[in-house]
Structure formats: structure tokens, C-alpha cells
Amino acid sequence: MTSTVLYNGDLRTTCTHLQSGSDFETDAPVDNNGKGERFSPTDLLATSLGTCMLTVMGIKARSIGFDLDGAKVEVLKIMKADPRRVGGIQVFFHLPEHLAGLEQKTRDILKNTGHTCPVIKSLHPDMEITIDWGAWG
């Protein structure tokens, strides 16, 4: 098992990672009868794309001999109706100054690595995924 999810009532859950024991709560979004005070399940889906891309890029960077410390992504989830679902995810990269001088070849390796993360490969092909690499174009 990877995790447990306990329904707490009032459209909230507590999710526990079994290996570490760390946990967090979810809440339904305001537009779906919740309070919007925590990540919603669909927020986690979208956010997992950003975390996965940064994680696999960090692994690749480490293998090349540097780190991605300070790299950040902003994630925008786009909902669709009929049926209600995540219709798109936009990821905006903000890369720190120490990565500005990387050779184009290294940038391309990292971008390709990000595009092949397990989460992006697991999303439905009809979902619109947009990646904005910021200064890396």
C-alpha cells in the first residue's frame, strides 16, 4: 500500500503516506460544495504534474553534476464540465539565476526529462497540457 485516505465528514479527507507517516487534508472546492480551505483532489492531480516534472528533472540534474535548488513551478488547473473533470493543466517554470547559464544542450536534456515524467505519461491524451519554460523558452 502507498497511502490511506480517511473520510472525515464535511467533504474533507485525511491522507496518510504509509512509509513516512506524513499526512495532509483535502477539502472540496468552493464551486463543488466545499470550503476550499485545503487542496482539492483535482488540485492534487494538477500539482502532481509540477512535482513530478521537478523531481525527475532534479534527478537528471544531480546525475549531470548540479542541482535545481530554487526552481519553482506554478500550476494552473482548468476544469471542464459534462462530465466534470480536469480539462487542462498549465505549468509555468521559474528557474533561479544559477541555472541561467546552462548550455542549450543541458537545458534540452532537462526539458525532455520533464516531458517524460510518469505523471504526464499517465494523464489522458485529451487533457490539454501546456508547459511554459519561462527564461528557457
Foldseek 3Di string as FASTA:
>chain_A
DQWDWADPPQQKIWIAGVVVRDIDMAWDCPVVNTDNPHHHPQNVLQVVLQVQLQVQLQVVQVVVPDGQPPKDKDKDFDWDVPPTDGQEMEIEIDGDPVCLPDDLVSVVVSVVSSCPGPSNVPDDPRRHYHYHDPSND
